[in-house]
Amino acid sequence: MKQFQISKTSMYPTLLDGDMIVVVKPKKYMYQIGDLIAYDFMNRRIVHRLIGTSEETGGELILKGDNNNTSERINEKEVLG
């Protein structure tokens, strides 16, 4: 279990700048569209919404901030919770 503070507005209005969240990575979990996923990127913790998966590229997760125009892809191994 990890706790950290939201420091950007990419998930506005769901998460606000300054909100505190607790992140738990379950041992085994089937991700569902709409889940919030935390991961590290360039020494920053990011929390974005799961909008899809890409089976043809090895099970990448496709994420997007609610307040962002673009999405990103991460490997399931990068998920913090």
PDB file of N, CA and C in Angstrom:
ATOM      1  N   MET A   1       0.854  -1.173   0.000  1.00  0.00           N
ATOM      2  CA  MET A   1       0.000   0.000   0.000  1.00  0.00           C
ATOM      3  C   MET A   1       0.899   1.235   0.000  1.00  0.00           C
ATOM      4  N   LYS A   2       0.568   2.183  -0.864  1.00  0.00           N
ATOM      5  CA  LYS A   2       1.320   3.430  -0.966  1.00  0.00           C
ATOM      6  C   LYS A   2       0.344   4.599  -0.935  1.00  0.00           C
ATOM      7  N   GLN A   3       0.776   5.677  -0.354  1.00  0.00           N
ATOM      8  CA  GLN A   3      -0.042   6.885  -0.301  1.00  0.00           C
ATOM      9  C   GLN A   3       0.737   8.015  -0.957  1.00  0.00           C
ATOM     10  N   PHE A   4       0.074   8.784  -1.797  1.00  0.00           N
ATOM     11  CA  PHE A   4       0.722   9.963  -2.358  1.00  0.00           C
ATOM     12  C   PHE A   4      -0.295  11.029  -2.726  1.00  0.00           C
ATOM     13  N   GLN A   5       0.235  12.220  -2.968  1.00  0.00           N
ATOM     14  CA  GLN A   5      -0.604  13.393  -3.230  1.00  0.00           C
ATOM     15  C   GLN A   5      -0.659  13.674  -4.726  1.00  0.00           C
ATOM     16  N   ILE A   6      -1.860  13.964  -5.214  1.00  0.00           N
ATOM     17  CA  ILE A   6      -2.057  14.352  -6.610  1.00  0.00           C
ATOM     18  C   ILE A   6      -1.500  15.763  -6.791  1.00  0.00           C
ATOM     19  N   SER A   7      -0.675  15.949  -7.837  1.00  0.00           N
ATOM     20  CA  SER A   7      -0.029  17.260  -8.004  1.00  0.00           C
ATOM     21  C   SER A   7      -0.286  17.893  -9.373  1.00  0.00           C
ATOM     22  N   LYS A   8      -1.203  17.352 -10.128  1.00  0.00           N
ATOM     23  CA  LYS A   8      -1.535  17.929 -11.434  1.00  0.00           C
ATOM     24  C   LYS A   8      -3.046  17.885 -11.623  1.00  0.00           C
ATOM     25  N   THR A   9      -3.526  18.325 -12.782  1.00  0.00           N
ATOM     26  CA  THR A   9      -4.969  18.363 -13.021  1.00  0.00           C
ATOM     27  C   THR A   9      -5.402  17.422 -14.144  1.00  0.00           C
ATOM     28  N   SER A  10      -4.568  16.444 -14.490  1.00  0.00           N
ATOM     29  CA  SER A  10      -4.918  15.552 -15.605  1.00  0.00           C
ATOM     30  C   SER A  10      -6.154  14.705 -15.326  1.00  0.00           C
ATOM     31  N   MET A  11      -6.491  14.487 -14.046  1.00  0.00           N
ATOM     32  CA  MET A  11      -7.668  13.683 -13.708  1.00  0.00           C
ATOM     33  C   MET A  11      -8.833  14.535 -13.208  1.00  0.00           C
ATOM     34  N   TYR A  12      -8.772  15.852 -13.399  1.00  0.00           N
ATOM     35  CA  TYR A  12      -9.872  16.737 -13.027  1.00  0.00           C
ATOM     36  C   TYR A  12     -11.114  16.362 -13.830  1.00  0.00           C
ATOM     37  N   PRO A  13     -12.290  16.298 -13.277  1.00  0.00           N
ATOM     38  CA  PRO A  13     -12.685  16.656 -11.922  1.00  0.00           C
ATOM     39  C   PRO A  13     -12.682  15.486 -10.939  1.00  0.00           C
ATOM     40  N   THR A  14     -12.293  14.280 -11.374  1.00  0.00           N
ATOM     41  CA  THR A  14     -12.304  13.118 -10.478  1.00  0.00           C
ATOM     42  C   THR A  14     -11.325  13.285  -9.329  1.00  0.00           C
ATOM     43  N   LEU A  15     -10.082  13.652  -9.649  1.00  0.00           N
ATOM     44  CA  LEU A  15      -9.050  13.904  -8.649  1.00  0.00           C
ATOM     45  C   LEU A  15      -8.571  15.335  -8.807  1.00  0.00           C
ATOM     46  N   LEU A  16      -8.448  16.034  -7.687  1.00  0.00           N
ATOM     47  CA  LEU A  16      -8.044  17.435  -7.715  1.00  0.00           C
ATOM     48  C   LEU A  16      -6.604  17.592  -7.258  1.00  0.00           C
ATOM     49  N   ASP A  17      -5.945  18.623  -7.729  1.00  0.00           N
ATOM     50  CA  ASP A  17      -4.600  18.956  -7.295  1.00  0.00           C
ATOM     51  C   ASP A  17      -4.599  19.059  -5.772  1.00  0.00           C
ATOM     52  N   GLY A  18      -3.738  18.281  -5.116  1.00  0.00           N
ATOM     53  CA  GLY A  18      -3.672  18.285  -3.649  1.00  0.00           C
ATOM     54  C   GLY A  18      -4.381  17.113  -2.992  1.00  0.00           C
ATOM     55  N   ASP A  19      -5.256  16.402  -3.716  1.00  0.00           N
ATOM     56  CA  ASP A  19      -5.927  15.231  -3.149  1.00  0.00           C
ATOM     57  C   ASP A  19      -4.894  14.181  -2.738  1.00  0.00           C
ATOM     58  N   MET A  20      -5.168  13.458  -1.664  1.00  0.00           N
ATOM     59  CA  MET A  20      -4.336  12.338  -1.224  1.00  0.00           C
ATOM     60  C   MET A  20      -5.041  11.052  -1.641  1.00  0.00           C
ATOM     61  N   ILE A  21      -4.263  10.100  -2.187  1.00  0.00           N
ATOM     62  CA  ILE A  21      -4.834   8.811  -2.571  1.00  0.00           C
ATOM     63  C   ILE A  21      -3.999   7.688  -1.983  1.00  0.00           C
ATOM     64  N   VAL A  22      -4.639   6.543  -1.804  1.00  0.00           N
ATOM     65  CA  VAL A  22      -3.972   5.322  -1.362  1.00  0.00           C
ATOM     66  C   VAL A  22      -4.007   4.353  -2.532  1.00  0.00           C
ATOM     67  N   VAL A  23      -2.854   3.786  -2.851  1.00  0.00           N
ATOM     68  CA  VAL A  23      -2.731   2.872  -3.983  1.00  0.00           C
ATOM     69  C   VAL A  23      -2.369   1.490  -3.454  1.00  0.00           C
ATOM     70  N   VAL A  24      -3.142   0.500  -3.859  1.00  0.00           N
ATOM     71  CA  VAL A  24      -2.899  -0.885  -3.455  1.00  0.00           C
ATOM     72  C   VAL A  24      -2.817  -1.725  -4.715  1.00  0.00           C
ATOM     73  N   LYS A  25      -1.769  -2.536  -4.814  1.00  0.00           N
ATOM     74  CA  LYS A  25      -1.640  -3.430  -5.964  1.00  0.00           C
ATOM     75  C   LYS A  25      -2.057  -4.838  -5.522  1.00  0.00           C
ATOM     76  N   PRO A  26      -3.185  -5.307  -6.038  1.00  0.00           N
ATOM     77  CA  PRO A  26      -3.615  -6.661  -5.670  1.00  0.00           C
ATOM     78  C   PRO A  26      -2.688  -7.697  -6.307  1.00  0.00           C
ATOM     79  N   LYS A  27      -2.615  -8.874  -5.688  1.00  0.00           N
ATOM     80  CA  LYS A  27      -1.757  -9.935  -6.224  1.00  0.00           C
ATOM     81  C   LYS A  27      -2.209 -10.378  -7.602  1.00  0.00           C
ATOM     82  N   LYS A  28      -3.488 -10.508  -7.801  1.00  0.00           N
ATOM     83  CA  LYS A  28      -4.002 -10.908  -9.105  1.00  0.00           C
ATOM     84  C   LYS A  28      -5.280 -10.105  -9.348  1.00  0.00           C
ATOM     85  N   TYR A  29      -5.326  -9.430 -10.487  1.00  0.00           N
ATOM     86  CA  TYR A  29      -6.473  -8.569 -10.757  1.00  0.00           C
ATOM     87  C   TYR A  29      -6.726  -8.503 -12.249  1.00  0.00           C
ATOM     88  N   MET A  30      -7.970  -8.576 -12.619  1.00  0.00           N
ATOM     89  CA  MET A  30      -8.364  -8.401 -14.014  1.00  0.00           C
ATOM     90  C   MET A  30      -8.801  -6.946 -14.178  1.00  0.00           C
ATOM     91  N   TYR A  31      -8.038  -6.186 -14.923  1.00  0.00           N
ATOM     92  CA  TYR A  31      -8.339  -4.768 -15.105  1.00  0.00           C
ATOM     93  C   TYR A  31      -9.616  -4.594 -15.904  1.00  0.00           C
ATOM     94  N   GLN A  32     -10.374  -3.562 -15.542  1.00  0.00           N
ATOM     95  CA  GLN A  32     -11.628  -3.264 -16.226  1.00  0.00           C
ATOM     96  C   GLN A  32     -11.583  -1.830 -16.740  1.00  0.00           C
ATOM     97  N   ILE A  33     -12.185  -1.616 -17.905  1.00  0.00           N
ATOM     98  CA  ILE A  33     -12.272  -0.264 -18.458  1.00  0.00           C
ATOM     99  C   ILE A  33     -12.893   0.646 -17.394  1.00  0.00           C
ATOM    100  N   GLY A  34     -12.263   1.792 -17.174  1.00  0.00           N
ATOM    101  CA  GLY A  34     -12.745   2.741 -16.163  1.00  0.00           C
ATOM    102  C   GLY A  34     -11.933   2.719 -14.882  1.00  0.00           C
ATOM    103  N   ASP A  35     -11.147   1.652 -14.646  1.00  0.00           N
ATOM    104  CA  ASP A  35     -10.296   1.599 -13.455  1.00  0.00           C
ATOM    105  C   ASP A  35      -9.302   2.751 -13.472  1.00  0.00           C
ATOM    106  N   LEU A  36      -8.949   3.243 -12.288  1.00  0.00           N
ATOM    107  CA  LEU A  36      -7.861   4.208 -12.164  1.00  0.00           C
ATOM    108  C   LEU A  36      -6.590   3.418 -11.896  1.00  0.00           C
ATOM    109  N   ILE A  37      -5.541   3.716 -12.649  1.00  0.00           N
ATOM    110  CA  ILE A  37      -4.287   2.984 -12.580  1.00  0.00           C
ATOM    111  C   ILE A  37      -3.170   3.955 -12.207  1.00  0.00           C
ATOM    112  N   ALA A  38      -2.346   3.594 -11.222  1.00  0.00           N
ATOM    113  CA  ALA A  38      -1.190   4.392 -10.835  1.00  0.00           C
ATOM    114  C   ALA A  38       0.068   3.729 -11.386  1.00  0.00           C
ATOM    115  N   TYR A  39       0.979   4.555 -11.905  1.00  0.00           N
ATOM    116  CA  TYR A  39       2.244   4.050 -12.429  1.00  0.00           C
ATOM    117  C   TYR A  39       3.295   5.149 -12.359  1.00  0.00           C
ATOM    118  N   ASP A  40       4.567   4.761 -12.456  1.00  0.00           N
ATOM    119  CA  ASP A  40       5.671   5.723 -12.474  1.00  0.00           C
ATOM    120  C   ASP A  40       6.050   6.036 -13.904  1.00  0.00           C
ATOM    121  N   PHE A  41       6.329   7.314 -14.171  1.00  0.00           N
ATOM    122  CA  PHE A  41       6.801   7.746 -15.485  1.00  0.00           C
ATOM    123  C   PHE A  41       7.775   8.893 -15.284  1.00  0.00           C
ATOM    124  N   MET A  42       9.032   8.694 -15.679  1.00  0.00           N
ATOM    125  CA  MET A  42      10.066   9.731 -15.568  1.00  0.00           C
ATOM    126  C   MET A  42      10.125  10.328 -14.157  1.00  0.00           C
ATOM    127  N   ASN A  43      10.203   9.447 -13.159  1.00  0.00           N
ATOM    128  CA  ASN A  43      10.306   9.834 -11.749  1.00  0.00           C
ATOM    129  C   ASN A  43       9.082  10.579 -11.222  1.00  0.00           C
ATOM    130  N   ARG A  44       7.947  10.381 -11.867  1.00  0.00           N
ATOM    131  CA  ARG A  44       6.682  10.970 -11.391  1.00  0.00           C
ATOM    132  C   ARG A  44       5.654   9.870 -11.254  1.00  0.00           C
ATOM    133  N   ARG A  45       4.803   9.984 -10.256  1.00  0.00           N
ATOM    134  CA  ARG A  45       3.683   9.058 -10.114  1.00  0.00           C
ATOM    135  C   ARG A  45       2.522   9.633 -10.905  1.00  0.00           C
ATOM    136  N   ILE A  46       1.924   8.793 -11.726  1.00  0.00           N
ATOM    137  CA  ILE A  46       0.808   9.200 -12.574  1.00  0.00           C
ATOM    138  C   ILE A  46      -0.396   8.337 -12.216  1.00  0.00           C
ATOM    139  N   VAL A  47      -1.583   8.932 -12.202  1.00  0.00           N
ATOM    140  CA  VAL A  47      -2.835   8.195 -12.043  1.00  0.00           C
ATOM    141  C   VAL A  47      -3.727   8.583 -13.211  1.00  0.00           C
ATOM    142  N   HIS A  48      -4.058   7.606 -14.051  1.00  0.00           N
ATOM    143  CA  HIS A  48      -4.935   7.830 -15.196  1.00  0.00           C
ATOM    144  C   HIS A  48      -5.938   6.698 -15.303  1.00  0.00           C
ATOM    145  N   ARG A  49      -6.963   6.928 -16.108  1.00  0.00           N
ATOM    146  CA  ARG A  49      -8.059   5.971 -16.260  1.00  0.00           C
ATOM    147  C   ARG A  49      -7.756   4.981 -17.382  1.00  0.00           C
ATOM    148  N   LEU A  50      -8.071   3.707 -17.136  1.00  0.00           N
ATOM    149  CA  LEU A  50      -7.925   2.674 -18.161  1.00  0.00           C
ATOM    150  C   LEU A  50      -9.038   2.836 -19.188  1.00  0.00           C
ATOM    151  N   ILE A  51      -8.628   3.040 -20.456  1.00  0.00           N
ATOM    152  CA  ILE A  51      -9.631   3.205 -21.521  1.00  0.00           C
ATOM    153  C   ILE A  51      -9.597   2.057 -22.516  1.00  0.00           C
ATOM    154  N   GLY A  52      -8.613   1.157 -22.380  1.00  0.00           N
ATOM    155  CA  GLY A  52      -8.545   0.017 -23.291  1.00  0.00           C
ATOM    156  C   GLY A  52      -7.313  -0.827 -23.041  1.00  0.00           C
ATOM    157  N   THR A  53      -7.239  -1.939 -23.739  1.00  0.00           N
ATOM    158  CA  THR A  53      -6.066  -2.805 -23.695  1.00  0.00           C
ATOM    159  C   THR A  53      -5.672  -3.135 -25.126  1.00  0.00           C
ATOM    160  N   SER A  54      -4.437  -3.551 -25.281  1.00  0.00           N
ATOM    161  CA  SER A  54      -3.942  -3.876 -26.608  1.00  0.00           C
ATOM    162  C   SER A  54      -3.315  -5.263 -26.573  1.00  0.00           C
ATOM    163  N   GLU A  55      -4.090  -6.268 -26.861  1.00  0.00           N
ATOM    164  CA  GLU A  55      -3.613  -7.645 -26.838  1.00  0.00           C
ATOM    165  C   GLU A  55      -2.537  -7.898 -27.884  1.00  0.00           C
ATOM    166  N   GLU A  56      -2.620  -7.238 -29.025  1.00  0.00           N
ATOM    167  CA  GLU A  56      -1.659  -7.491 -30.092  1.00  0.00           C
ATOM    168  C   GLU A  56      -0.253  -6.986 -29.758  1.00  0.00           C
ATOM    169  N   THR A  57      -0.116  -6.154 -28.730  1.00  0.00           N
ATOM    170  CA  THR A  57       1.210  -5.657 -28.346  1.00  0.00           C
ATOM    171  C   THR A  57       1.623  -6.193 -26.981  1.00  0.00           C
ATOM    172  N   GLY A  58       1.156  -7.373 -26.636  1.00  0.00           N
ATOM    173  CA  GLY A  58       1.589  -8.002 -25.393  1.00  0.00           C
ATOM    174  C   GLY A  58       0.828  -7.585 -24.163  1.00  0.00           C
ATOM    175  N   GLY A  59      -0.389  -7.166 -24.329  1.00  0.00           N
ATOM    176  CA  GLY A  59      -1.223  -6.837 -23.178  1.00  0.00           C
ATOM    177  C   GLY A  59      -0.969  -5.475 -22.580  1.00  0.00           C
ATOM    178  N   GLU A  60      -0.591  -4.506 -23.397  1.00  0.00           N
ATOM    179  CA  GLU A  60      -0.414  -3.149 -22.894  1.00  0.00           C
ATOM    180  C   GLU A  60      -1.752  -2.591 -22.413  1.00  0.00           C
ATOM    181  N   LEU A  61      -1.668  -1.706 -21.425  1.00  0.00           N
ATOM    182  CA  LEU A  61      -2.844  -0.993 -20.942  1.00  0.00           C
ATOM    183  C   LEU A  61      -2.840   0.387 -21.581  1.00  0.00           C
ATOM    184  N   ILE A  62      -3.992   0.835 -22.045  1.00  0.00           N
ATOM    185  CA  ILE A  62      -4.129   2.160 -22.659  1.00  0.00           C
ATOM    186  C   ILE A  62      -4.824   3.056 -21.642  1.00  0.00           C
ATOM    187  N   LEU A  63      -4.137   4.121 -21.242  1.00  0.00           N
ATOM    188  CA  LEU A  63      -4.608   5.004 -20.176  1.00  0.00           C
ATOM    189  C   LEU A  63      -4.750   6.424 -20.692  1.00  0.00           C
ATOM    190  N   LYS A  64      -5.607   7.184 -20.006  1.00  0.00           N
ATOM    191  CA  LYS A  64      -5.805   8.585 -20.375  1.00  0.00           C
ATOM    192  C   LYS A  64      -6.304   9.344 -19.156  1.00  0.00           C
ATOM    193  N   GLY A  65      -5.750  10.510 -18.928  1.00  0.00           N
ATOM    194  CA  GLY A  65      -6.271  11.384 -17.884  1.00  0.00           C
ATOM    195  C   GLY A  65      -7.626  11.932 -18.305  1.00  0.00           C
ATOM    196  N   ASP A  66      -8.553  12.052 -17.369  1.00  0.00           N
ATOM    197  CA  ASP A  66      -9.898  12.549 -17.691  1.00  0.00           C
ATOM    198  C   ASP A  66      -9.862  13.932 -18.322  1.00  0.00           C
ATOM    199  N   ASN A  67      -8.844  14.721 -17.988  1.00  0.00           N
ATOM    200  CA  ASN A  67      -8.728  16.095 -18.467  1.00  0.00           C
ATOM    201  C   ASN A  67      -7.663  16.232 -19.557  1.00  0.00           C
ATOM    202  N   ASN A  68      -7.209  15.104 -20.131  1.00  0.00           N
ATOM    203  CA  ASN A  68      -6.174  15.121 -21.167  1.00  0.00           C
ATOM    204  C   ASN A  68      -6.777  14.831 -22.537  1.00  0.00           C
ATOM    205  N   ASN A  69      -6.078  15.269 -23.575  1.00  0.00           N
ATOM    206  CA  ASN A  69      -6.500  14.986 -24.952  1.00  0.00           C
ATOM    207  C   ASN A  69      -5.838  13.747 -25.521  1.00  0.00           C
ATOM    208  N   THR A  70      -4.725  13.319 -24.935  1.00  0.00           N
ATOM    209  CA  THR A  70      -3.985  12.187 -25.474  1.00  0.00           C
ATOM    210  C   THR A  70      -3.954  11.030 -24.480  1.00  0.00           C
ATOM    211  N   SER A  71      -3.689   9.845 -25.004  1.00  0.00           N
ATOM    212  CA  SER A  71      -3.585   8.650 -24.170  1.00  0.00           C
ATOM    213  C   SER A  71      -2.148   8.159 -24.176  1.00  0.00           C
ATOM    214  N   GLU A  72      -1.858   7.209 -23.290  1.00  0.00           N
ATOM    215  CA  GLU A  72      -0.540   6.590 -23.260  1.00  0.00           C
ATOM    216  C   GLU A  72      -0.715   5.093 -23.053  1.00  0.00           C
ATOM    217  N   ARG A  73       0.325   4.349 -23.394  1.00  0.00           N
ATOM    218  CA  ARG A  73       0.319   2.891 -23.232  1.00  0.00           C
ATOM    219  C   ARG A  73       1.402   2.513 -22.246  1.00  0.00           C
ATOM    220  N   ILE A  74       1.058   1.602 -21.334  1.00  0.00           N
ATOM    221  CA  ILE A  74       2.048   1.091 -20.404  1.00  0.00           C
ATOM    222  C   ILE A  74       1.939  -0.422 -20.360  1.00  0.00           C
ATOM    223  N   ASN A  75       3.004  -1.062 -19.932  1.00  0.00           N
ATOM    224  CA  ASN A  75       2.995  -2.499 -19.727  1.00  0.00           C
ATOM    225  C   ASN A  75       2.409  -2.781 -18.343  1.00  0.00           C
ATOM    226  N   GLU A  76       1.702  -3.880 -18.214  1.00  0.00           N
ATOM    227  CA  GLU A  76       1.082  -4.220 -16.932  1.00  0.00           C
ATOM    228  C   GLU A  76       2.110  -4.285 -15.804  1.00  0.00           C
ATOM    229  N   LYS A  77       3.365  -4.598 -16.104  1.00  0.00           N
ATOM    230  CA  LYS A  77       4.417  -4.674 -15.081  1.00  0.00           C
ATOM    231  C   LYS A  77       4.720  -3.306 -14.466  1.00  0.00           C
ATOM    232  N   GLU A  78       4.339  -2.239 -15.142  1.00  0.00           N
ATOM    233  CA  GLU A  78       4.601  -0.887 -14.638  1.00  0.00           C
ATOM    234  C   GLU A  78       3.553  -0.401 -13.647  1.00  0.00           C
ATOM    235  N   VAL A  79       2.473  -1.136 -13.489  1.00  0.00           N
ATOM    236  CA  VAL A  79       1.366  -0.719 -12.626  1.00  0.00           C
ATOM    237  C   VAL A  79       1.776  -0.764 -11.162  1.00  0.00           C
ATOM    238  N   LEU A  80       1.543   0.333 -10.444  1.00  0.00           N
ATOM    239  CA  LEU A  80       1.758   0.386  -8.995  1.00  0.00           C
ATOM    240  C   LEU A  80       0.512  -0.080  -8.254  1.00  0.00           C
ATOM    241  N   GLY A  81      -0.632   0.155  -8.856  1.00  0.00           N
ATOM    242  CA  GLY A  81      -1.883  -0.244  -8.236  1.00  0.00           C
ATOM    243  C   GLY A  81      -3.061   0.433  -8.860  1.00  0.00           C
TER     244      GLY A  81
END
